[in-house]
Amino acid sequence: MTMPTLEQARTLLAEAERLNPGPWIAHSINVARAAHLIAARHLTLDPDRAYILGLLHDIGRRAGKTGMRHVIDGYGYLSDLGFDAAARICLTHSFPYQHPRAVFGEWDCTEPEFQMISAALLSITYDDYDLLLQLCDALALPEGFCLIEKRLVDVFLRYGQYGVDASVHTKWQAVFNIQRRFEQAINCSIYQVLPGVVETTFGQVV
């Protein structure tokens, strides 16, 4: 599948920031950094490809302040540009298990759009890039890298009013399963390769 170059990805993110500035830009950059650092320890992943996918995983937010619509907007935007690999990550990054209702956030789209994105999601067999970006999305705040638990609680507090049910446990468990998968692959804790986790998670440590 077609990928943008790093220069193209940075240009797209800079344009998106002009359209809709906000902390999601710093989050995207930190997701990219985490993906690069973990992929560099992995035997089969390309760190540069992982970095580009991280930069663009939330690019749908260029369209404005939305809920889960950013998944649809990013997927459509990058697909139209011919960047199918990055478009795929826009779609898969919010779903550590493949169920279209398993998200924190409001599906602010039409029913036909929801059915379209659901069919696209369920047609995919996740690969290690899909899983890596799901993991890194759960490791990165705008301020830096953090414990997964802090990020999950942060998302829950912001979006938990939408669809809170037993699926919360399933989604969180799926994230921790992905963590274990990558820690086995790189033969160390993911936190060993991410600088500043303690400081970002707990504040300045003296």
N, C-alpha and C. Protein backbone atom coordinates (compact mmCIF):
# COMPACT_ATOMS: atom_id res chain seq x y z
N MET A 1 0.84 -1.20 0.00
CA MET A 1 0.00 0.00 0.00
C MET A 1 0.87 1.25 0.00
N THR A 2 0.36 2.32 -0.59
CA THR A 2 1.14 3.53 -0.80
C THR A 2 1.28 4.33 0.49
N MET A 3 2.51 4.83 0.72
CA MET A 3 2.84 5.63 1.90
C MET A 3 3.30 7.01 1.49
N PRO A 4 2.95 8.05 2.26
CA PRO A 4 3.57 9.37 2.03
C PRO A 4 5.01 9.36 2.51
N THR A 5 5.80 10.27 1.99
CA THR A 5 7.14 10.47 2.51
C THR A 5 7.05 11.21 3.85
N LEU A 6 8.17 11.24 4.57
CA LEU A 6 8.19 11.98 5.83
C LEU A 6 7.91 13.46 5.57
N GLU A 7 8.50 14.01 4.53
CA GLU A 7 8.26 15.43 4.21
C GLU A 7 6.78 15.67 3.91
N GLN A 8 6.16 14.79 3.15
CA GLN A 8 4.73 14.93 2.86
C GLN A 8 3.89 14.84 4.13
N ALA A 9 4.24 13.90 5.01
CA ALA A 9 3.49 13.73 6.25
C ALA A 9 3.59 14.97 7.11
N ARG A 10 4.79 15.52 7.22
CA ARG A 10 4.95 16.74 8.02
C ARG A 10 4.19 17.91 7.42
N THR A 11 4.14 18.00 6.10
CA THR A 11 3.39 19.05 5.43
C THR A 11 1.90 18.91 5.71
N LEU A 12 1.40 17.67 5.63
CA LEU A 12 -0.02 17.43 5.89
C LEU A 12 -0.38 17.76 7.33
N LEU A 13 0.50 17.42 8.28
CA LEU A 13 0.22 17.71 9.68
C LEU A 13 0.28 19.21 9.95
N ALA A 14 1.22 19.91 9.32
CA ALA A 14 1.33 21.36 9.50
C ALA A 14 0.09 22.06 8.95
N GLU A 15 -0.40 21.60 7.81
CA GLU A 15 -1.62 22.17 7.24
C GLU A 15 -2.81 21.90 8.16
N ALA A 16 -2.86 20.69 8.72
CA ALA A 16 -3.95 20.33 9.63
C ALA A 16 -3.92 21.21 10.88
N GLU A 17 -2.72 21.52 11.37
CA GLU A 17 -2.61 22.38 12.55
C GLU A 17 -3.14 23.77 12.27
N ARG A 18 -2.91 24.28 11.07
CA ARG A 18 -3.45 25.60 10.71
C ARG A 18 -4.97 25.57 10.67
N LEU A 19 -5.53 24.45 10.22
CA LEU A 19 -6.99 24.33 10.11
C LEU A 19 -7.65 24.12 11.47
N ASN A 20 -7.00 23.34 12.34
CA ASN A 20 -7.59 23.01 13.64
C ASN A 20 -6.48 22.86 14.67
N PRO A 21 -5.91 23.96 15.15
CA PRO A 21 -4.84 23.86 16.14
C PRO A 21 -5.35 23.27 17.45
N GLY A 22 -4.46 22.60 18.16
CA GLY A 22 -4.85 22.02 19.44
C GLY A 22 -3.85 21.00 19.92
N PRO A 23 -4.06 20.46 21.11
CA PRO A 23 -3.11 19.50 21.69
C PRO A 23 -3.01 18.20 20.92
N TRP A 24 -3.93 17.93 20.01
CA TRP A 24 -3.87 16.70 19.23
C TRP A 24 -2.63 16.67 18.34
N ILE A 25 -2.08 17.83 18.00
CA ILE A 25 -0.87 17.86 17.18
C ILE A 25 0.32 17.32 17.98
N ALA A 26 0.51 17.82 19.21
CA ALA A 26 1.59 17.32 20.05
C ALA A 26 1.40 15.84 20.36
N HIS A 27 0.16 15.43 20.58
CA HIS A 27 -0.13 14.01 20.80
C HIS A 27 0.31 13.18 19.59
N SER A 28 -0.01 13.65 18.39
CA SER A 28 0.35 12.92 17.17
C SER A 28 1.86 12.78 17.03
N ILE A 29 2.58 13.84 17.34
CA ILE A 29 4.04 13.79 17.25
C ILE A 29 4.60 12.80 18.27
N ASN A 30 4.03 12.78 19.47
CA ASN A 30 4.50 11.83 20.48
C ASN A 30 4.14 10.39 20.13
N VAL A 31 2.98 10.18 19.53
CA VAL A 31 2.65 8.84 19.03
C VAL A 31 3.68 8.40 18.00
N ALA A 32 4.05 9.31 17.10
CA ALA A 32 5.04 9.00 16.08
C ALA A 32 6.39 8.65 16.71
N ARG A 33 6.80 9.41 17.72
CA ARG A 33 8.07 9.15 18.39
C ARG A 33 8.05 7.79 19.08
N ALA A 34 6.96 7.49 19.77
CA ALA A 34 6.86 6.20 20.44
C ALA A 34 6.90 5.05 19.42
N ALA A 35 6.18 5.21 18.32
CA ALA A 35 6.16 4.16 17.29
C ALA A 35 7.55 3.94 16.72
N HIS A 36 8.30 5.01 16.50
CA HIS A 36 9.66 4.89 15.96
C HIS A 36 10.56 4.17 16.95
N LEU A 37 10.49 4.54 18.22
CA LEU A 37 11.37 3.96 19.23
C LEU A 37 11.10 2.47 19.43
N ILE A 38 9.83 2.09 19.45
CA ILE A 38 9.50 0.67 19.63
C ILE A 38 9.83 -0.12 18.37
N ALA A 39 9.49 0.43 17.20
CA ALA A 39 9.78 -0.26 15.94
C ALA A 39 11.27 -0.49 15.74
N ALA A 40 12.09 0.43 16.27
CA ALA A 40 13.54 0.30 16.12
C ALA A 40 14.07 -0.92 16.87
N ARG A 41 13.33 -1.41 17.86
CA ARG A 41 13.73 -2.60 18.61
C ARG A 41 13.10 -3.87 18.04
N HIS A 42 12.22 -3.72 17.08
CA HIS A 42 11.45 -4.84 16.54
C HIS A 42 12.15 -5.39 15.31
N LEU A 43 12.10 -6.70 15.15
CA LEU A 43 12.85 -7.34 14.06
C LEU A 43 12.26 -7.11 12.68
N THR A 44 10.96 -6.86 12.59
CA THR A 44 10.33 -6.80 11.26
C THR A 44 9.68 -5.47 10.92
N LEU A 45 9.70 -4.51 11.83
CA LEU A 45 9.04 -3.23 11.58
C LEU A 45 10.05 -2.17 11.14
N ASP A 46 9.60 -1.28 10.27
CA ASP A 46 10.42 -0.17 9.77
C ASP A 46 10.15 1.06 10.63
N PRO A 47 11.13 1.54 11.39
CA PRO A 47 10.89 2.69 12.28
C PRO A 47 10.42 3.94 11.54
N ASP A 48 10.95 4.20 10.34
CA ASP A 48 10.55 5.40 9.60
C ASP A 48 9.10 5.30 9.16
N ARG A 49 8.69 4.14 8.70
CA ARG A 49 7.29 3.94 8.33
C ARG A 49 6.39 4.12 9.55
N ALA A 50 6.80 3.55 10.67
CA ALA A 50 6.01 3.68 11.90
C ALA A 50 5.86 5.13 12.31
N TYR A 51 6.93 5.91 12.17
CA TYR A 51 6.90 7.33 12.54
C TYR A 51 5.89 8.10 11.68
N ILE A 52 5.93 7.86 10.39
CA ILE A 52 5.00 8.54 9.47
C ILE A 52 3.55 8.19 9.81
N LEU A 53 3.31 6.91 10.06
CA LEU A 53 1.94 6.49 10.41
C LEU A 53 1.49 7.14 11.70
N GLY A 54 2.41 7.30 12.65
CA GLY A 54 2.07 7.97 13.89
C GLY A 54 1.70 9.44 13.69
N LEU A 55 2.47 10.12 12.86
CA LEU A 55 2.18 11.53 12.59
C LEU A 55 0.77 11.72 12.04
N LEU A 56 0.31 10.77 11.24
CA LEU A 56 -0.94 10.96 10.50
C LEU A 56 -2.14 10.21 11.08
N HIS A 57 -1.97 9.52 12.20
CA HIS A 57 -3.06 8.65 12.65
C HIS A 57 -4.32 9.44 13.00
N ASP A 58 -4.19 10.69 13.45
CA ASP A 58 -5.34 11.53 13.82
C ASP A 58 -5.60 12.65 12.82
N ILE A 59 -5.10 12.52 11.59
CA ILE A 59 -5.16 13.62 10.63
C ILE A 59 -6.60 14.04 10.31
N GLY A 60 -7.55 13.16 10.60
CA GLY A 60 -8.95 13.53 10.38
C GLY A 60 -9.41 14.70 11.23
N ARG A 61 -8.66 15.01 12.28
CA ARG A 61 -9.01 16.14 13.13
C ARG A 61 -8.77 17.48 12.42
N ARG A 62 -8.15 17.43 11.27
CA ARG A 62 -8.00 18.64 10.46
C ARG A 62 -9.36 19.25 10.13
N ALA A 63 -10.40 18.43 10.11
CA ALA A 63 -11.74 18.88 9.72
C ALA A 63 -12.45 19.66 10.82
N GLY A 64 -11.87 19.69 12.02
CA GLY A 64 -12.49 20.45 13.11
C GLY A 64 -12.67 19.61 14.35
N LYS A 65 -13.34 20.17 15.33
CA LYS A 65 -13.54 19.50 16.61
C LYS A 65 -14.70 18.53 16.49
N THR A 66 -14.37 17.26 16.42
CA THR A 66 -15.37 16.22 16.23
C THR A 66 -15.10 15.09 17.21
N GLY A 67 -16.03 14.13 17.24
CA GLY A 67 -15.84 12.93 18.02
C GLY A 67 -15.17 11.86 17.18
N MET A 68 -15.81 10.68 17.10
CA MET A 68 -15.22 9.60 16.32
C MET A 68 -15.27 9.86 14.83
N ARG A 69 -15.88 10.94 14.43
CA ARG A 69 -15.89 11.28 13.02
C ARG A 69 -14.47 11.46 12.46
N HIS A 70 -13.51 11.80 13.35
CA HIS A 70 -12.14 11.99 12.86
C HIS A 70 -11.59 10.72 12.21
N VAL A 71 -12.10 9.55 12.61
CA VAL A 71 -11.69 8.29 11.98
C VAL A 71 -12.12 8.27 10.52
N ILE A 72 -13.39 8.63 10.29
CA ILE A 72 -13.92 8.66 8.93
C ILE A 72 -13.23 9.74 8.10
N ASP A 73 -13.08 10.93 8.68
CA ASP A 73 -12.48 12.04 7.94
C ASP A 73 -11.04 11.74 7.55
N GLY A 74 -10.27 11.15 8.48
CA GLY A 74 -8.89 10.82 8.16
C GLY A 74 -8.78 9.73 7.12
N TYR A 75 -9.60 8.70 7.27
CA TYR A 75 -9.60 7.59 6.33
C TYR A 75 -9.94 8.07 4.92
N GLY A 76 -10.97 8.88 4.80
CA GLY A 76 -11.36 9.38 3.48
C GLY A 76 -10.35 10.33 2.89
N TYR A 77 -9.81 11.22 3.73
CA TYR A 77 -8.86 12.22 3.26
C TYR A 77 -7.60 11.57 2.70
N LEU A 78 -7.00 10.66 3.45
CA LEU A 78 -5.76 10.03 2.99
C LEU A 78 -6.01 9.04 1.86
N SER A 79 -7.17 8.39 1.85
CA SER A 79 -7.52 7.51 0.73
C SER A 79 -7.61 8.31 -0.56
N ASP A 80 -8.23 9.49 -0.49
CA ASP A 80 -8.36 10.34 -1.68
C ASP A 80 -7.01 10.80 -2.19
N LEU A 81 -6.02 10.94 -1.28
CA LEU A 81 -4.68 11.33 -1.69
C LEU A 81 -3.86 10.15 -2.20
N GLY A 82 -4.41 8.95 -2.09
CA GLY A 82 -3.71 7.76 -2.56
C GLY A 82 -2.81 7.12 -1.53
N PHE A 83 -2.89 7.56 -0.27
CA PHE A 83 -2.02 7.04 0.79
C PHE A 83 -2.77 5.97 1.58
N ASP A 84 -2.97 4.83 0.96
CA ASP A 84 -3.84 3.80 1.52
C ASP A 84 -3.32 3.26 2.86
N ALA A 85 -2.00 3.11 2.99
CA ALA A 85 -1.45 2.55 4.23
C ALA A 85 -1.71 3.46 5.42
N ALA A 86 -1.53 4.76 5.23
CA ALA A 86 -1.78 5.72 6.30
C ALA A 86 -3.28 5.86 6.56
N ALA A 87 -4.10 5.79 5.51
CA ALA A 87 -5.55 5.85 5.68
C ALA A 87 -6.03 4.69 6.55
N ARG A 88 -5.44 3.54 6.33
CA ARG A 88 -5.80 2.35 7.11
C ARG A 88 -5.56 2.59 8.61
N ILE A 89 -4.46 3.23 8.96
CA ILE A 89 -4.15 3.48 10.36
C ILE A 89 -5.14 4.49 10.96
N CYS A 90 -5.57 5.48 10.16
CA CYS A 90 -6.63 6.38 10.63
C CYS A 90 -7.86 5.59 11.06
N LEU A 91 -8.14 4.54 10.32
CA LEU A 91 -9.29 3.70 10.61
C LEU A 91 -9.07 2.80 11.82
N THR A 92 -7.92 2.15 11.90
CA THR A 92 -7.73 1.07 12.89
C THR A 92 -7.22 1.54 14.24
N HIS A 93 -6.67 2.74 14.35
CA HIS A 93 -5.94 3.09 15.57
C HIS A 93 -6.83 3.17 16.82
N SER A 94 -8.12 3.39 16.64
CA SER A 94 -9.02 3.54 17.78
C SER A 94 -9.67 2.23 18.22
N PHE A 95 -9.31 1.12 17.59
CA PHE A 95 -10.02 -0.14 17.82
C PHE A 95 -9.06 -1.27 18.16
N PRO A 96 -8.60 -1.37 19.41
CA PRO A 96 -7.71 -2.47 19.77
C PRO A 96 -8.39 -3.84 19.69
N TYR A 97 -9.70 -3.85 19.63
CA TYR A 97 -10.37 -5.05 19.13
C TYR A 97 -11.42 -4.58 18.14
N GLN A 98 -11.73 -5.43 17.18
CA GLN A 98 -12.47 -4.99 16.01
C GLN A 98 -13.98 -5.03 16.22
N HIS A 99 -14.46 -3.94 16.80
CA HIS A 99 -15.90 -3.75 16.94
C HIS A 99 -16.15 -2.25 16.84
N PRO A 100 -16.99 -1.81 15.92
CA PRO A 100 -17.16 -0.37 15.68
C PRO A 100 -17.75 0.41 16.84
N ARG A 101 -18.39 -0.25 17.80
CA ARG A 101 -18.94 0.45 18.96
C ARG A 101 -17.96 0.48 20.13
N ALA A 102 -16.82 -0.15 19.98
CA ALA A 102 -15.87 -0.26 21.09
C ALA A 102 -14.94 0.93 21.12
N VAL A 103 -15.50 2.11 21.32
CA VAL A 103 -14.71 3.34 21.34
C VAL A 103 -15.18 4.22 22.49
N PHE A 104 -14.29 5.10 22.95
CA PHE A 104 -14.69 6.21 23.80
C PHE A 104 -14.85 7.41 22.88
N GLY A 105 -16.03 7.94 22.83
CA GLY A 105 -16.28 9.06 21.94
C GLY A 105 -17.61 8.87 21.24
N GLU A 106 -18.12 9.93 20.71
CA GLU A 106 -19.42 9.93 20.05
C GLU A 106 -19.26 9.68 18.56
N TRP A 107 -20.05 8.75 18.04
CA TRP A 107 -20.08 8.53 16.60
C TRP A 107 -20.95 9.64 15.98
N ASP A 108 -20.31 10.76 15.68
CA ASP A 108 -21.02 11.91 15.14
C ASP A 108 -20.99 11.88 13.62
N CYS A 109 -21.66 10.88 13.06
CA CYS A 109 -21.70 10.72 11.61
C CYS A 109 -23.07 10.16 11.24
N THR A 110 -23.34 10.10 9.95
CA THR A 110 -24.61 9.55 9.50
C THR A 110 -24.58 8.03 9.61
N GLU A 111 -25.75 7.43 9.61
CA GLU A 111 -25.83 5.96 9.67
C GLU A 111 -25.15 5.30 8.47
N PRO A 112 -25.32 5.80 7.24
CA PRO A 112 -24.59 5.20 6.11
C PRO A 112 -23.06 5.31 6.28
N GLU A 113 -22.60 6.44 6.81
CA GLU A 113 -21.16 6.58 7.05
C GLU A 113 -20.68 5.58 8.10
N PHE A 114 -21.48 5.41 9.15
CA PHE A 114 -21.12 4.45 10.19
C PHE A 114 -21.08 3.03 9.63
N GLN A 115 -22.02 2.68 8.81
CA GLN A 115 -22.04 1.34 8.21
C GLN A 115 -20.85 1.15 7.28
N MET A 116 -20.49 2.20 6.55
CA MET A 116 -19.34 2.11 5.65
C MET A 116 -18.05 1.88 6.43
N ILE A 117 -17.84 2.65 7.49
CA ILE A 117 -16.61 2.53 8.26
C ILE A 117 -16.59 1.22 9.03
N SER A 118 -17.76 0.74 9.46
CA SER A 118 -17.83 -0.55 10.15
C SER A 118 -17.43 -1.68 9.21
N ALA A 119 -17.94 -1.64 7.99
CA ALA A 119 -17.60 -2.69 7.02
C ALA A 119 -16.12 -2.66 6.69
N ALA A 120 -15.57 -1.45 6.54
CA ALA A 120 -14.13 -1.34 6.23
C ALA A 120 -13.29 -1.88 7.38
N LEU A 121 -13.67 -1.55 8.61
CA LEU A 121 -12.92 -2.02 9.78
C LEU A 121 -12.95 -3.54 9.87
N LEU A 122 -14.11 -4.12 9.70
CA LEU A 122 -14.26 -5.56 9.88
C LEU A 122 -13.67 -6.36 8.73
N SER A 123 -13.34 -5.70 7.63
CA SER A 123 -12.73 -6.40 6.49
C SER A 123 -11.21 -6.54 6.63
N ILE A 124 -10.63 -5.89 7.63
CA ILE A 124 -9.18 -5.84 7.79
C ILE A 124 -8.71 -6.94 8.74
N THR A 125 -7.57 -7.55 8.40
CA THR A 125 -6.85 -8.39 9.34
C THR A 125 -5.69 -7.56 9.89
N TYR A 126 -5.71 -7.29 11.18
CA TYR A 126 -4.70 -6.42 11.77
C TYR A 126 -3.29 -6.99 11.55
N ASP A 127 -2.36 -6.08 11.23
CA ASP A 127 -0.95 -6.45 11.18
C ASP A 127 -0.21 -5.72 12.31
N ASP A 128 1.11 -5.87 12.37
CA ASP A 128 1.85 -5.29 13.49
C ASP A 128 1.87 -3.77 13.46
N TYR A 129 1.70 -3.14 12.31
CA TYR A 129 1.62 -1.68 12.28
C TYR A 129 0.30 -1.21 12.88
N ASP A 130 -0.80 -1.88 12.56
CA ASP A 130 -2.08 -1.53 13.18
C ASP A 130 -1.96 -1.61 14.70
N LEU A 131 -1.40 -2.72 15.18
CA LEU A 131 -1.30 -2.93 16.62
C LEU A 131 -0.33 -1.96 17.27
N LEU A 132 0.79 -1.68 16.59
CA LEU A 132 1.76 -0.74 17.14
C LEU A 132 1.15 0.64 17.33
N LEU A 133 0.39 1.12 16.36
CA LEU A 133 -0.19 2.46 16.48
C LEU A 133 -1.31 2.49 17.50
N GLN A 134 -2.03 1.39 17.67
CA GLN A 134 -3.01 1.32 18.76
C GLN A 134 -2.30 1.42 20.11
N LEU A 135 -1.18 0.72 20.23
CA LEU A 135 -0.41 0.77 21.48
C LEU A 135 0.13 2.17 21.73
N CYS A 136 0.73 2.77 20.72
CA CYS A 136 1.36 4.08 20.92
C CYS A 136 0.32 5.17 21.16
N ASP A 137 -0.86 5.03 20.60
CA ASP A 137 -1.95 5.97 20.89
C ASP A 137 -2.29 5.95 22.37
N ALA A 138 -2.06 4.79 23.01
CA ALA A 138 -2.35 4.65 24.44
C ALA A 138 -1.15 4.97 25.32
N LEU A 139 -0.07 5.45 24.74
CA LEU A 139 1.15 5.78 25.49
C LEU A 139 1.50 7.26 25.46
N ALA A 140 0.79 8.04 24.65
CA ALA A 140 1.23 9.40 24.37
C ALA A 140 0.19 10.44 24.73
N LEU A 141 0.56 11.29 25.66
CA LEU A 141 -0.19 12.51 25.94
C LEU A 141 0.48 13.65 25.16
N PRO A 142 -0.17 14.79 25.04
CA PRO A 142 0.51 15.93 24.40
C PRO A 142 1.81 16.31 25.11
N GLU A 143 1.87 16.06 26.42
CA GLU A 143 3.05 16.46 27.21
C GLU A 143 4.20 15.47 27.08
N GLY A 144 3.93 14.25 26.64
CA GLY A 144 4.99 13.25 26.53
C GLY A 144 4.44 11.84 26.72
N PHE A 145 5.36 10.89 26.93
CA PHE A 145 4.98 9.49 27.11
C PHE A 145 4.52 9.25 28.55
N CYS A 146 3.59 8.31 28.72
CA CYS A 146 3.06 8.04 30.05
C CYS A 146 2.71 6.56 30.17
N LEU A 147 2.42 6.14 31.40
CA LEU A 147 1.89 4.81 31.60
C LEU A 147 0.57 4.67 30.86
N ILE A 148 0.33 3.51 30.30
CA ILE A 148 -0.91 3.26 29.59
C ILE A 148 -2.11 3.55 30.48
N GLU A 149 -2.03 3.17 31.76
CA GLU A 149 -3.15 3.39 32.66
C GLU A 149 -3.53 4.86 32.75
N LYS A 150 -2.56 5.75 32.76
CA LYS A 150 -2.86 7.18 32.83
C LYS A 150 -3.58 7.66 31.58
N ARG A 151 -3.13 7.21 30.44
CA ARG A 151 -3.74 7.60 29.17
C ARG A 151 -5.17 7.06 29.07
N LEU A 152 -5.38 5.81 29.47
CA LEU A 152 -6.72 5.24 29.41
C LEU A 152 -7.68 5.98 30.31
N VAL A 153 -7.23 6.35 31.50
CA VAL A 153 -8.09 7.11 32.41
C VAL A 153 -8.35 8.51 31.84
N ASP A 154 -7.32 9.12 31.24
CA ASP A 154 -7.49 10.43 30.63
C ASP A 154 -8.58 10.39 29.56
N VAL A 155 -8.54 9.39 28.70
CA VAL A 155 -9.55 9.25 27.64
C VAL A 155 -10.93 8.97 28.25
N PHE A 156 -10.95 8.10 29.25
CA PHE A 156 -12.22 7.76 29.90
C PHE A 156 -12.88 9.00 30.50
N LEU A 157 -12.09 9.84 31.17
CA LEU A 157 -12.65 11.02 31.81
C LEU A 157 -13.19 12.02 30.79
N ARG A 158 -12.58 12.05 29.60
CA ARG A 158 -13.03 13.00 28.57
C ARG A 158 -14.21 12.47 27.76
N TYR A 159 -14.27 11.16 27.54
CA TYR A 159 -15.28 10.62 26.62
C TYR A 159 -16.14 9.51 27.21
N GLY A 160 -15.95 9.21 28.49
CA GLY A 160 -16.60 8.05 29.07
C GLY A 160 -18.10 8.09 29.12
N GLN A 161 -18.70 9.26 28.90
CA GLN A 161 -20.15 9.34 28.93
C GLN A 161 -20.79 8.67 27.72
N TYR A 162 -19.95 8.34 26.71
CA TYR A 162 -20.48 7.72 25.49
C TYR A 162 -20.27 6.21 25.55
N GLY A 163 -21.35 5.47 25.66
CA GLY A 163 -21.28 4.03 25.52
C GLY A 163 -20.47 3.31 26.57
N VAL A 164 -20.53 3.74 27.82
CA VAL A 164 -19.80 3.05 28.88
C VAL A 164 -20.58 1.80 29.28
N ASP A 165 -20.00 0.64 29.03
CA ASP A 165 -20.61 -0.62 29.39
C ASP A 165 -19.51 -1.65 29.57
N ALA A 166 -19.85 -2.92 29.50
CA ALA A 166 -18.86 -3.96 29.73
C ALA A 166 -17.73 -3.94 28.70
N SER A 167 -17.93 -3.27 27.56
CA SER A 167 -16.89 -3.23 26.53
C SER A 167 -15.66 -2.46 27.00
N VAL A 168 -15.79 -1.62 28.03
CA VAL A 168 -14.63 -0.90 28.57
C VAL A 168 -13.57 -1.90 29.01
N HIS A 169 -13.98 -2.91 29.73
CA HIS A 169 -13.03 -3.93 30.20
C HIS A 169 -12.37 -4.63 29.01
N THR A 170 -13.17 -4.97 28.01
CA THR A 170 -12.64 -5.68 26.84
C THR A 170 -11.63 -4.82 26.09
N LYS A 171 -11.95 -3.54 25.92
CA LYS A 171 -11.04 -2.65 25.20
C LYS A 171 -9.75 -2.45 25.97
N TRP A 172 -9.83 -2.19 27.25
CA TRP A 172 -8.61 -1.98 28.05
C TRP A 172 -7.75 -3.24 28.07
N GLN A 173 -8.41 -4.40 28.21
CA GLN A 173 -7.65 -5.65 28.22
C GLN A 173 -6.96 -5.87 26.88
N ALA A 174 -7.61 -5.49 25.79
CA ALA A 174 -7.00 -5.63 24.46
C ALA A 174 -5.73 -4.78 24.35
N VAL A 175 -5.74 -3.58 24.92
CA VAL A 175 -4.55 -2.72 24.90
C VAL A 175 -3.40 -3.38 25.65
N PHE A 176 -3.69 -3.94 26.81
CA PHE A 176 -2.64 -4.59 27.60
C PHE A 176 -2.13 -5.87 26.92
N ASN A 177 -3.00 -6.54 26.17
CA ASN A 177 -2.56 -7.69 25.39
C ASN A 177 -1.58 -7.27 24.30
N ILE A 178 -1.86 -6.13 23.67
CA ILE A 178 -0.94 -5.62 22.65
C ILE A 178 0.38 -5.23 23.29
N GLN A 179 0.32 -4.62 24.48
CA GLN A 179 1.56 -4.28 25.19
C GLN A 179 2.42 -5.52 25.40
N ARG A 180 1.81 -6.60 25.89
CA ARG A 180 2.57 -7.83 26.13
C ARG A 180 3.15 -8.39 24.84
N ARG A 181 2.40 -8.31 23.77
CA ARG A 181 2.87 -8.80 22.47
C ARG A 181 4.15 -8.10 22.06
N PHE A 182 4.17 -6.77 22.18
CA PHE A 182 5.36 -6.02 21.76
C PHE A 182 6.51 -6.17 22.74
N GLU A 183 6.21 -6.31 24.00
CA GLU A 183 7.30 -6.51 24.95
C GLU A 183 7.98 -7.86 24.73
N GLN A 184 7.22 -8.86 24.32
CA GLN A 184 7.83 -10.14 23.96
C GLN A 184 8.67 -9.99 22.69
N ALA A 185 8.18 -9.19 21.74
CA ALA A 185 8.88 -9.02 20.47
C ALA A 185 10.19 -8.25 20.62
N ILE A 186 10.21 -7.24 21.51
CA ILE A 186 11.42 -6.43 21.67
C ILE A 186 12.25 -6.85 22.88
N ASN A 187 11.73 -7.82 23.61
CA ASN A 187 12.46 -8.44 24.73
C ASN A 187 12.79 -7.46 25.85
N CYS A 188 11.90 -6.53 26.09
CA CYS A 188 12.04 -5.63 27.23
C CYS A 188 10.72 -4.89 27.42
N SER A 189 10.60 -4.19 28.53
CA SER A 189 9.42 -3.37 28.76
C SER A 189 9.40 -2.21 27.75
N ILE A 190 8.21 -1.88 27.27
CA ILE A 190 8.10 -0.74 26.37
C ILE A 190 8.56 0.54 27.05
N TYR A 191 8.42 0.60 28.38
CA TYR A 191 8.77 1.81 29.10
C TYR A 191 10.28 2.02 29.16
N GLN A 192 11.06 0.97 28.91
CA GLN A 192 12.51 1.12 28.87
C GLN A 192 12.98 1.91 27.65
N VAL A 193 12.16 1.98 26.62
CA VAL A 193 12.59 2.66 25.39
C VAL A 193 11.91 4.01 25.20
N LEU A 194 11.05 4.39 26.15
CA LEU A 194 10.33 5.66 26.04
C LEU A 194 10.80 6.61 27.13
N PRO A 195 11.50 7.67 26.78
CA PRO A 195 12.01 8.59 27.81
C PRO A 195 10.91 9.43 28.43
N GLY A 196 11.09 9.74 29.71
CA GLY A 196 10.21 10.70 30.39
C GLY A 196 8.89 10.14 30.87
N VAL A 197 8.73 8.81 30.88
CA VAL A 197 7.45 8.24 31.30
C VAL A 197 7.11 8.60 32.74
N VAL A 198 8.08 8.51 33.62
CA VAL A 198 7.83 8.81 35.03
C VAL A 198 7.43 10.26 35.21
N GLU A 199 8.16 11.16 34.56
CA GLU A 199 7.88 12.60 34.71
C GLU A 199 6.51 12.96 34.17
N THR A 200 6.14 12.42 32.99
CA THR A 200 4.85 12.75 32.41
C THR A 200 3.71 12.13 33.20
N THR A 201 3.92 10.93 33.69
CA THR A 201 2.84 10.23 34.41
C THR A 201 2.60 10.85 35.79
N PHE A 202 3.68 11.15 36.51
CA PHE A 202 3.55 11.54 37.90
C PHE A 202 3.91 12.99 38.18
N GLY A 203 4.29 13.75 37.15
CA GLY A 203 4.75 15.09 37.36
C GLY A 203 6.24 15.12 37.64
N GLN A 204 6.78 16.30 37.85
CA GLN A 204 8.23 16.45 38.07
C GLN A 204 8.68 15.65 39.28
N VAL A 205 9.64 14.77 39.06
CA VAL A 205 10.16 13.96 40.15
C VAL A 205 11.48 14.56 40.63
N VAL A 206 11.57 14.87 41.90
CA VAL A 206 12.78 15.49 42.47
C VAL A 206 13.75 14.41 42.89
